[in-house]
């Protein structure tokens, strides 16, 4: 896009530009928004890359995320009262994880270990009616604490994806990611909107009940947009320890939310 046109659009009110794009589908405006928000794709891809193995190329993540940005620009409705940046981040992140799922980059054995820990945490907490400690989880698994922490490190990649899992609201067209319920409420029909708000309440309540350190990691990572390394600096622990705390928090949340979903279906 030529610099003169960019400068011209830069001097305009962005809300006015979105209004014009929605009405006229101006190709130049679409190209401008792609240009303006392309750094956001790299930012989101960079955050995702922090939890990925080295076999996942950063440029591939950027490529996947770009499709999400294009989708966000095409579907954005300024009348919904949501900032485009917030809406776009959800779409970009979702596009990246959709593609990662499609290439099935996580080994089956790692998925099974993650599911096993999630199940054990869920069953123990349901049985005891409280948050369970690492020692209780490792004992139930029949492994040492060192083995437990080693497994947490191996399954950390699966946990980065977990808040992008889908909640189905009945119809195939009525679906949303768990993370989306926290970031971008839609202008849906009243029944779906109410259910979406209820899901959000379940998630927020489950986060509030996490152990203090795990809760801090979730808040700093998903709400404050810090990387795992930055969170480690804030909490004065190693990045690998933050990764373990994040993984435990997500597995704990998945177990609790899984029970809620089962109760709702039942």
C-alpha atoms as a PDB file:
ATOM      1  CA  UNK A   1       0.000   0.000   0.000  1.00  0.00           C
ATOM      2  CA  UNK A   2       1.439   3.402  -0.922  1.00  0.00           C
ATOM      3  CA  UNK A   3       2.607   5.671   1.916  1.00  0.00           C
ATOM      4  CA  UNK A   4       0.484   8.619   0.802  1.00  0.00           C
ATOM      5  CA  UNK A   5      -2.715   6.592   1.224  1.00  0.00           C
ATOM      6  CA  UNK A   6      -1.547   5.277   4.597  1.00  0.00           C
ATOM      7  CA  UNK A   7      -0.907   8.829   5.838  1.00  0.00           C
ATOM      8  CA  UNK A   8      -4.289   9.898   4.556  1.00  0.00           C
ATOM      9  CA  UNK A   9      -6.068   7.130   6.459  1.00  0.00           C
ATOM     10  CA  UNK A  10      -3.901   7.710   9.560  1.00  0.00           C
ATOM     11  CA  UNK A  11      -5.303  11.220   9.820  1.00  0.00           C
ATOM     12  CA  UNK A  12      -8.893   9.968   9.877  1.00  0.00           C
ATOM     13  CA  UNK A  13     -10.939   8.842  12.866  1.00  0.00           C
ATOM     14  CA  UNK A  14     -10.694   5.052  12.985  1.00  0.00           C
ATOM     15  CA  UNK A  15     -14.360   4.594  13.955  1.00  0.00           C
ATOM     16  CA  UNK A  16     -15.323   6.541  10.842  1.00  0.00           C
ATOM     17  CA  UNK A  17     -13.092   4.318   8.723  1.00  0.00           C
ATOM     18  CA  UNK A  18     -14.704   1.175  10.114  1.00  0.00           C
ATOM     19  CA  UNK A  19     -18.132   2.617   9.404  1.00  0.00           C
ATOM     20  CA  UNK A  20     -17.115   3.327   5.823  1.00  0.00           C
ATOM     21  CA  UNK A  21     -15.643  -0.154   5.371  1.00  0.00           C
ATOM     22  CA  UNK A  22     -18.793  -1.817   6.692  1.00  0.00           C
ATOM     23  CA  UNK A  23     -20.956   0.165   4.279  1.00  0.00           C
ATOM     24  CA  UNK A  24     -18.816   0.125   1.151  1.00  0.00           C
ATOM     25  CA  UNK A  25     -16.326  -2.783   1.476  1.00  0.00           C
ATOM     26  CA  UNK A  26     -13.566  -0.472   0.257  1.00  0.00           C
ATOM     27  CA  UNK A  27     -10.559  -2.659  -0.804  1.00  0.00           C
ATOM     28  CA  UNK A  28      -8.081   0.111   0.033  1.00  0.00           C
ATOM     29  CA  UNK A  29      -9.498   0.457   3.526  1.00  0.00           C
ATOM     30  CA  UNK A  30      -9.311  -3.297   4.041  1.00  0.00           C
ATOM     31  CA  UNK A  31      -5.689  -3.238   2.900  1.00  0.00           C
ATOM     32  CA  UNK A  32      -5.000  -0.349   5.298  1.00  0.00           C
ATOM     33  CA  UNK A  33      -6.377  -2.251   8.290  1.00  0.00           C
ATOM     34  CA  UNK A  34      -4.330  -5.309   7.341  1.00  0.00           C
ATOM     35  CA  UNK A  35      -1.248  -3.072   7.250  1.00  0.00           C
ATOM     36  CA  UNK A  36      -2.098  -1.313  10.511  1.00  0.00           C
ATOM     37  CA  UNK A  37      -2.829  -4.433  12.514  1.00  0.00           C
ATOM     38  CA  UNK A  38      -0.259  -6.834  11.047  1.00  0.00           C
ATOM     39  CA  UNK A  39       2.053  -6.168  14.058  1.00  0.00           C
ATOM     40  CA  UNK A  40      -0.747  -7.551  16.245  1.00  0.00           C
ATOM     41  CA  UNK A  41      -0.464 -10.870  14.393  1.00  0.00           C
ATOM     42  CA  UNK A  42       3.256 -11.062  15.203  1.00  0.00           C
ATOM     43  CA  UNK A  43       2.553 -10.149  18.827  1.00  0.00           C
ATOM     44  CA  UNK A  44      -0.040 -12.917  19.259  1.00  0.00           C
ATOM     45  CA  UNK A  45       2.126 -15.408  17.335  1.00  0.00           C
ATOM     46  CA  UNK A  46       5.046 -14.524  19.593  1.00  0.00           C
ATOM     47  CA  UNK A  47       2.998 -15.240  22.701  1.00  0.00           C
ATOM     48  CA  UNK A  48       1.814 -18.559  21.303  1.00  0.00           C
ATOM     49  CA  UNK A  49       5.358 -19.493  20.248  1.00  0.00           C
ATOM     50  CA  UNK A  50       6.513 -19.216  23.876  1.00  0.00           C
ATOM     51  CA  UNK A  51       4.707 -22.451  24.700  1.00  0.00           C
ATOM     52  CA  UNK A  52       5.485 -24.337  21.511  1.00  0.00           C
ATOM     53  CA  UNK A  53       8.296 -26.811  20.748  1.00  0.00           C
ATOM     54  CA  UNK A  54      11.098 -25.678  18.447  1.00  0.00           C
ATOM     55  CA  UNK A  55       9.604 -27.699  15.586  1.00  0.00           C
ATOM     56  CA  UNK A  56       6.823 -25.089  15.323  1.00  0.00           C
ATOM     57  CA  UNK A  57       8.133 -22.216  13.205  1.00  0.00           C
ATOM     58  CA  UNK A  58       7.290 -18.654  14.251  1.00  0.00           C
ATOM     59  CA  UNK A  59       6.684 -17.592  10.644  1.00  0.00           C
ATOM     60  CA  UNK A  60       4.148 -20.407  10.270  1.00  0.00           C
ATOM     61  CA  UNK A  61       2.282 -19.103  13.303  1.00  0.00           C
ATOM     62  CA  UNK A  62       2.291 -15.610  11.762  1.00  0.00           C
ATOM     63  CA  UNK A  63       0.916 -17.050   8.535  1.00  0.00           C
ATOM     64  CA  UNK A  64      -1.896 -18.839  10.385  1.00  0.00           C
ATOM     65  CA  UNK A  65      -2.646 -15.706  12.402  1.00  0.00           C
ATOM     66  CA  UNK A  66      -2.889 -13.545   9.291  1.00  0.00           C
ATOM     67  CA  UNK A  67      -5.929 -15.535   8.196  1.00  0.00           C
ATOM     68  CA  UNK A  68      -7.455 -14.712  11.569  1.00  0.00           C
ATOM     69  CA  UNK A  69      -6.774 -11.011  11.067  1.00  0.00           C
ATOM     70  CA  UNK A  70      -8.407 -11.065   7.629  1.00  0.00           C
ATOM     71  CA  UNK A  71     -11.402 -12.873   9.102  1.00  0.00           C
ATOM     72  CA  UNK A  72     -11.621 -10.288  11.899  1.00  0.00           C
ATOM     73  CA  UNK A  73     -11.535  -7.368   9.446  1.00  0.00           C
ATOM     74  CA  UNK A  74     -14.243  -8.958   7.308  1.00  0.00           C
ATOM     75  CA  UNK A  75     -16.548  -9.715  10.235  1.00  0.00           C
ATOM     76  CA  UNK A  76     -15.930  -6.785  12.580  1.00  0.00           C
ATOM     77  CA  UNK A  77     -19.000  -4.765  13.502  1.00  0.00           C
ATOM     78  CA  UNK A  78     -18.154  -1.498  15.334  1.00  0.00           C
ATOM     79  CA  UNK A  79     -21.763  -1.230  16.524  1.00  0.00           C
ATOM     80  CA  UNK A  80     -21.170  -4.133  18.911  1.00  0.00           C
ATOM     81  CA  UNK A  81     -19.138  -1.859  21.177  1.00  0.00           C
ATOM     82  CA  UNK A  82     -16.029  -4.058  21.157  1.00  0.00           C
ATOM     83  CA  UNK A  83     -12.601  -2.647  20.389  1.00  0.00           C
ATOM     84  CA  UNK A  84     -11.226  -4.080  17.159  1.00  0.00           C
ATOM     85  CA  UNK A  85      -7.915  -4.985  18.805  1.00  0.00           C
ATOM     86  CA  UNK A  86      -9.699  -7.167  21.372  1.00  0.00           C
ATOM     87  CA  UNK A  87     -11.870  -8.802  18.720  1.00  0.00           C
ATOM     88  CA  UNK A  88      -8.925  -9.331  16.375  1.00  0.00           C
ATOM     89  CA  UNK A  89      -6.723 -10.923  19.039  1.00  0.00           C
ATOM     90  CA  UNK A  90      -9.402 -13.539  19.662  1.00  0.00           C
ATOM     91  CA  UNK A  91      -9.722 -14.289  15.929  1.00  0.00           C
ATOM     92  CA  UNK A  92      -5.945 -14.327  15.354  1.00  0.00           C
ATOM     93  CA  UNK A  93      -5.310 -16.634  18.293  1.00  0.00           C
ATOM     94  CA  UNK A  94      -8.185 -18.866  17.248  1.00  0.00           C
ATOM     95  CA  UNK A  95      -6.905 -19.142  13.665  1.00  0.00           C
ATOM     96  CA  UNK A  96      -3.447 -20.140  14.922  1.00  0.00           C
ATOM     97  CA  UNK A  97      -4.809 -22.847  17.194  1.00  0.00           C
ATOM     98  CA  UNK A  98      -7.241 -24.106  14.558  1.00  0.00           C
ATOM     99  CA  UNK A  99      -4.329 -24.702  12.213  1.00  0.00           C
ATOM    100  CA  UNK A 100      -2.204 -26.294  14.932  1.00  0.00           C
ATOM    101  CA  UNK A 101      -5.059 -28.684  15.677  1.00  0.00           C
ATOM    102  CA  UNK A 102      -5.420 -29.538  12.009  1.00  0.00           C
ATOM    103  CA  UNK A 103      -1.763 -30.573  11.726  1.00  0.00           C
ATOM    104  CA  UNK A 104      -2.081 -32.483  15.036  1.00  0.00           C
ATOM    105  CA  UNK A 105       1.401 -31.499  16.246  1.00  0.00           C
ATOM    106  CA  UNK A 106       0.973 -32.862  19.796  1.00  0.00           C
ATOM    107  CA  UNK A 107       1.977 -36.544  20.137  1.00  0.00           C
ATOM    108  CA  UNK A 108      -0.846 -38.836  21.260  1.00  0.00           C
ATOM    109  CA  UNK A 109       1.135 -40.010  24.284  1.00  0.00           C
ATOM    110  CA  UNK A 110       1.415 -36.415  25.532  1.00  0.00           C
ATOM    111  CA  UNK A 111      -2.299 -35.842  25.029  1.00  0.00           C
ATOM    112  CA  UNK A 112      -3.028 -38.989  27.018  1.00  0.00           C
ATOM    113  CA  UNK A 113      -0.789 -37.882  29.893  1.00  0.00           C
ATOM    114  CA  UNK A 114      -2.440 -34.470  29.979  1.00  0.00           C
ATOM    115  CA  UNK A 115      -5.891 -36.085  30.032  1.00  0.00           C
ATOM    116  CA  UNK A 116      -4.809 -38.485  32.770  1.00  0.00           C
ATOM    117  CA  UNK A 117      -3.628 -35.646  35.034  1.00  0.00           C
ATOM    118  CA  UNK A 118      -6.762 -33.619  34.273  1.00  0.00           C
ATOM    119  CA  UNK A 119      -8.966 -36.594  35.189  1.00  0.00           C
ATOM    120  CA  UNK A 120      -7.089 -37.299  38.424  1.00  0.00           C
ATOM    121  CA  UNK A 121      -7.290 -33.646  39.518  1.00  0.00           C
ATOM    122  CA  UNK A 122     -10.988 -33.486  38.670  1.00  0.00           C
ATOM    123  CA  UNK A 123     -11.842 -36.721  40.503  1.00  0.00           C
ATOM    124  CA  UNK A 124      -9.789 -35.858  43.592  1.00  0.00           C
ATOM    125  CA  UNK A 125     -11.216 -32.346  43.879  1.00  0.00           C
ATOM    126  CA  UNK A 126     -14.746 -33.641  43.374  1.00  0.00           C
ATOM    127  CA  UNK A 127     -14.173 -36.314  46.041  1.00  0.00           C
ATOM    128  CA  UNK A 128     -12.427 -34.075  48.578  1.00  0.00           C
ATOM    129  CA  UNK A 129     -14.344 -30.883  47.854  1.00  0.00           C
ATOM    130  CA  UNK A 130     -11.201 -28.741  47.804  1.00  0.00           C
ATOM    131  CA  UNK A 131      -8.126 -27.861  45.777  1.00  0.00           C
ATOM    132  CA  UNK A 132      -5.634 -30.734  45.755  1.00  0.00           C
ATOM    133  CA  UNK A 133      -1.874 -30.396  46.175  1.00  0.00           C
ATOM    134  CA  UNK A 134       0.898 -31.680  43.904  1.00  0.00           C
ATOM    135  CA  UNK A 135       1.787 -34.433  46.377  1.00  0.00           C
ATOM    136  CA  UNK A 136      -1.788 -35.748  46.326  1.00  0.00           C
ATOM    137  CA  UNK A 137      -1.893 -35.725  42.535  1.00  0.00           C
ATOM    138  CA  UNK A 138       1.446 -37.515  42.142  1.00  0.00           C
ATOM    139  CA  UNK A 139       0.450 -40.094  44.788  1.00  0.00           C
ATOM    140  CA  UNK A 140      -2.812 -40.809  42.963  1.00  0.00           C
ATOM    141  CA  UNK A 141      -0.860 -41.168  39.705  1.00  0.00           C
ATOM    142  CA  UNK A 142       1.601 -43.518  41.443  1.00  0.00           C
ATOM    143  CA  UNK A 143       4.649 -41.480  40.496  1.00  0.00           C
ATOM    144  CA  UNK A 144       7.290 -39.378  42.271  1.00  0.00           C
ATOM    145  CA  UNK A 145       7.133 -35.594  42.481  1.00  0.00           C
ATOM    146  CA  UNK A 146      10.074 -35.345  40.074  1.00  0.00           C
ATOM    147  CA  UNK A 147       8.231 -37.528  37.564  1.00  0.00           C
ATOM    148  CA  UNK A 148       5.081 -35.449  38.011  1.00  0.00           C
ATOM    149  CA  UNK A 149       6.922 -32.179  37.327  1.00  0.00           C
ATOM    150  CA  UNK A 150       8.637 -33.759  34.331  1.00  0.00           C
ATOM    151  CA  UNK A 151       5.254 -34.743  32.877  1.00  0.00           C
ATOM    152  CA  UNK A 152       3.924 -31.217  33.482  1.00  0.00           C
ATOM    153  CA  UNK A 153       6.814 -29.839  31.417  1.00  0.00           C
ATOM    154  CA  UNK A 154       6.049 -32.258  28.584  1.00  0.00           C
ATOM    155  CA  UNK A 155       2.340 -31.441  28.447  1.00  0.00           C
ATOM    156  CA  UNK A 156       2.815 -27.667  28.704  1.00  0.00           C
ATOM    157  CA  UNK A 157       2.233 -27.232  24.969  1.00  0.00           C
ATOM    158  CA  UNK A 158      -1.249 -28.738  25.219  1.00  0.00           C
ATOM    159  CA  UNK A 159      -2.208 -26.350  28.011  1.00  0.00           C
ATOM    160  CA  UNK A 160      -1.406 -23.261  25.928  1.00  0.00           C
ATOM    161  CA  UNK A 161      -4.225 -24.324  23.631  1.00  0.00           C
ATOM    162  CA  UNK A 162      -6.736 -25.230  26.289  1.00  0.00           C
ATOM    163  CA  UNK A 163      -8.480 -21.895  26.829  1.00  0.00           C
ATOM    164  CA  UNK A 164      -9.226 -21.926  23.111  1.00  0.00           C
ATOM    165  CA  UNK A 165     -11.261 -25.101  23.420  1.00  0.00           C
ATOM    166  CA  UNK A 166     -14.816 -24.879  22.158  1.00  0.00           C
ATOM    167  CA  UNK A 167     -18.012 -24.751  24.170  1.00  0.00           C
ATOM    168  CA  UNK A 168     -20.948 -25.798  21.991  1.00  0.00           C
ATOM    169  CA  UNK A 169     -24.186 -24.014  22.728  1.00  0.00           C
ATOM    170  CA  UNK A 170     -26.403 -26.524  20.966  1.00  0.00           C
ATOM    171  CA  UNK A 171     -26.333 -25.515  17.294  1.00  0.00           C
ATOM    172  CA  UNK A 172     -23.180 -25.812  15.161  1.00  0.00           C
ATOM    173  CA  UNK A 173     -23.350 -22.094  14.479  1.00  0.00           C
ATOM    174  CA  UNK A 174     -23.499 -21.298  18.202  1.00  0.00           C
ATOM    175  CA  UNK A 175     -19.995 -22.036  19.420  1.00  0.00           C
ATOM    176  CA  UNK A 176     -17.322 -20.028  21.148  1.00  0.00           C
ATOM    177  CA  UNK A 177     -13.911 -20.512  22.651  1.00  0.00           C
ATOM    178  CA  UNK A 178     -13.569 -20.368  26.414  1.00  0.00           C
ATOM    179  CA  UNK A 179     -11.161 -17.481  25.967  1.00  0.00           C
ATOM    180  CA  UNK A 180     -13.651 -15.683  23.700  1.00  0.00           C
ATOM    181  CA  UNK A 181     -16.214 -15.626  26.494  1.00  0.00           C
ATOM    182  CA  UNK A 182     -13.712 -13.618  28.524  1.00  0.00           C
ATOM    183  CA  UNK A 183     -12.679 -11.253  25.741  1.00  0.00           C
ATOM    184  CA  UNK A 184     -15.435 -10.565  23.260  1.00  0.00           C
ATOM    185  CA  UNK A 185     -19.130 -10.842  24.114  1.00  0.00           C
ATOM    186  CA  UNK A 186     -21.239 -11.013  20.967  1.00  0.00           C
ATOM    187  CA  UNK A 187     -24.466  -9.270  20.032  1.00  0.00           C
ATOM    188  CA  UNK A 188     -26.325 -12.585  19.913  1.00  0.00           C
ATOM    189  CA  UNK A 189     -29.948 -13.506  20.375  1.00  0.00           C
ATOM    190  CA  UNK A 190     -31.002 -13.145  24.046  1.00  0.00           C
ATOM    191  CA  UNK A 191     -31.054 -16.878  24.889  1.00  0.00           C
ATOM    192  CA  UNK A 192     -27.551 -17.528  23.563  1.00  0.00           C
ATOM    193  CA  UNK A 193     -26.249 -14.320  25.133  1.00  0.00           C
ATOM    194  CA  UNK A 194     -27.578 -15.356  28.540  1.00  0.00           C
ATOM    195  CA  UNK A 195     -25.986 -18.797  28.217  1.00  0.00           C
ATOM    196  CA  UNK A 196     -22.724 -17.210  27.123  1.00  0.00           C
ATOM    197  CA  UNK A 197     -22.719 -14.938  30.167  1.00  0.00           C
ATOM    198  CA  UNK A 198     -23.422 -17.950  32.400  1.00  0.00           C
ATOM    199  CA  UNK A 199     -20.441 -19.780  30.914  1.00  0.00           C
ATOM    200  CA  UNK A 200     -18.295 -16.717  31.533  1.00  0.00           C
ATOM    201  CA  UNK A 201     -19.408 -16.716  35.172  1.00  0.00           C
ATOM    202  CA  UNK A 202     -18.489 -20.398  35.511  1.00  0.00           C
ATOM    203  CA  UNK A 203     -15.025 -19.739  34.107  1.00  0.00           C
ATOM    204  CA  UNK A 204     -14.371 -16.655  36.227  1.00  0.00           C
ATOM    205  CA  UNK A 205     -15.544 -18.518  39.352  1.00  0.00           C
ATOM    206  CA  UNK A 206     -13.291 -21.475  38.529  1.00  0.00           C
ATOM    207  CA  UNK A 207     -10.320 -19.130  38.074  1.00  0.00           C
ATOM    208  CA  UNK A 208     -11.034 -17.414  41.395  1.00  0.00           C
ATOM    209  CA  UNK A 209     -10.870 -20.800  43.162  1.00  0.00           C
ATOM    210  CA  UNK A 210      -7.420 -21.662  41.783  1.00  0.00           C
ATOM    211  CA  UNK A 211      -4.450 -21.735  44.187  1.00  0.00           C
ATOM    212  CA  UNK A 212      -2.981 -18.239  44.517  1.00  0.00           C
ATOM    213  CA  UNK A 213       0.117 -18.710  42.339  1.00  0.00           C
ATOM    214  CA  UNK A 214      -1.790 -20.509  39.589  1.00  0.00           C
ATOM    215  CA  UNK A 215      -4.440 -17.786  39.607  1.00  0.00           C
ATOM    216  CA  UNK A 216      -1.772 -15.089  39.279  1.00  0.00           C
ATOM    217  CA  UNK A 217      -0.229 -16.874  36.296  1.00  0.00           C
ATOM    218  CA  UNK A 218      -3.606 -17.130  34.529  1.00  0.00           C
ATOM    219  CA  UNK A 219      -4.433 -13.478  35.192  1.00  0.00           C
ATOM    220  CA  UNK A 220      -1.006 -12.215  34.097  1.00  0.00           C
ATOM    221  CA  UNK A 221      -0.912 -14.423  30.987  1.00  0.00           C
ATOM    222  CA  UNK A 222      -4.466 -14.117  29.665  1.00  0.00           C
ATOM    223  CA  UNK A 223      -5.547 -10.754  31.070  1.00  0.00           C
ATOM    224  CA  UNK A 224      -2.329  -8.759  31.326  1.00  0.00           C
ATOM    225  CA  UNK A 225      -0.784 -10.287  28.171  1.00  0.00           C
ATOM    226  CA  UNK A 226       2.582 -11.048  29.793  1.00  0.00           C
ATOM    227  CA  UNK A 227       4.763 -13.861  28.456  1.00  0.00           C
ATOM    228  CA  UNK A 228       5.694 -16.794  30.702  1.00  0.00           C
ATOM    229  CA  UNK A 229       9.197 -15.341  30.977  1.00  0.00           C
ATOM    230  CA  UNK A 230       7.839 -11.947  32.052  1.00  0.00           C
ATOM    231  CA  UNK A 231       5.559 -13.607  34.609  1.00  0.00           C
ATOM    232  CA  UNK A 232       8.577 -15.433  35.999  1.00  0.00           C
ATOM    233  CA  UNK A 233      10.288 -12.096  36.515  1.00  0.00           C
ATOM    234  CA  UNK A 234       7.207 -10.661  38.252  1.00  0.00           C
ATOM    235  CA  UNK A 235       6.828 -13.652  40.592  1.00  0.00           C
ATOM    236  CA  UNK A 236      10.604 -14.152  40.941  1.00  0.00           C
ATOM    237  CA  UNK A 237      10.651 -17.785  39.810  1.00  0.00           C
ATOM    238  CA  UNK A 238      12.020 -19.547  36.727  1.00  0.00           C
ATOM    239  CA  UNK A 239      10.166 -19.621  33.425  1.00  0.00           C
ATOM    240  CA  UNK A 240       9.958 -23.431  33.626  1.00  0.00           C
ATOM    241  CA  UNK A 241       8.246 -23.136  37.015  1.00  0.00           C
ATOM    242  CA  UNK A 242       5.746 -20.657  35.549  1.00  0.00           C
ATOM    243  CA  UNK A 243       5.114 -23.114  32.716  1.00  0.00           C
ATOM    244  CA  UNK A 244       4.358 -25.845  35.277  1.00  0.00           C
ATOM    245  CA  UNK A 245       2.022 -23.553  37.225  1.00  0.00           C
ATOM    246  CA  UNK A 246       0.247 -22.577  34.002  1.00  0.00           C
ATOM    247  CA  UNK A 247      -0.160 -26.212  32.993  1.00  0.00           C
ATOM    248  CA  UNK A 248      -1.557 -27.220  36.386  1.00  0.00           C
ATOM    249  CA  UNK A 249      -3.955 -24.276  36.366  1.00  0.00           C
ATOM    250  CA  UNK A 250      -5.283 -25.165  32.913  1.00  0.00           C
ATOM    251  CA  UNK A 251      -5.668 -28.867  33.715  1.00  0.00           C
ATOM    252  CA  UNK A 252      -7.440 -27.920  36.943  1.00  0.00           C
ATOM    253  CA  UNK A 253      -9.742 -25.513  35.066  1.00  0.00           C
ATOM    254  CA  UNK A 254     -10.463 -28.076  32.359  1.00  0.00           C
ATOM    255  CA  UNK A 255     -11.452 -30.621  34.981  1.00  0.00           C
ATOM    256  CA  UNK A 256     -13.732 -28.204  36.819  1.00  0.00           C
ATOM    257  CA  UNK A 257     -15.323 -26.863  33.647  1.00  0.00           C
ATOM    258  CA  UNK A 258     -15.733 -30.419  32.391  1.00  0.00           C
ATOM    259  CA  UNK A 259     -17.762 -31.252  35.486  1.00  0.00           C
ATOM    260  CA  UNK A 260     -19.877 -28.143  34.973  1.00  0.00           C
ATOM    261  CA  UNK A 261     -20.542 -29.074  31.337  1.00  0.00           C
ATOM    262  CA  UNK A 262     -21.518 -32.593  32.372  1.00  0.00           C
ATOM    263  CA  UNK A 263     -23.932 -31.228  34.966  1.00  0.00           C
ATOM    264  CA  UNK A 264     -25.442 -28.847  32.415  1.00  0.00           C
ATOM    265  CA  UNK A 265     -25.943 -31.657  29.896  1.00  0.00           C
ATOM    266  CA  UNK A 266     -27.259 -33.951  32.576  1.00  0.00           C
END
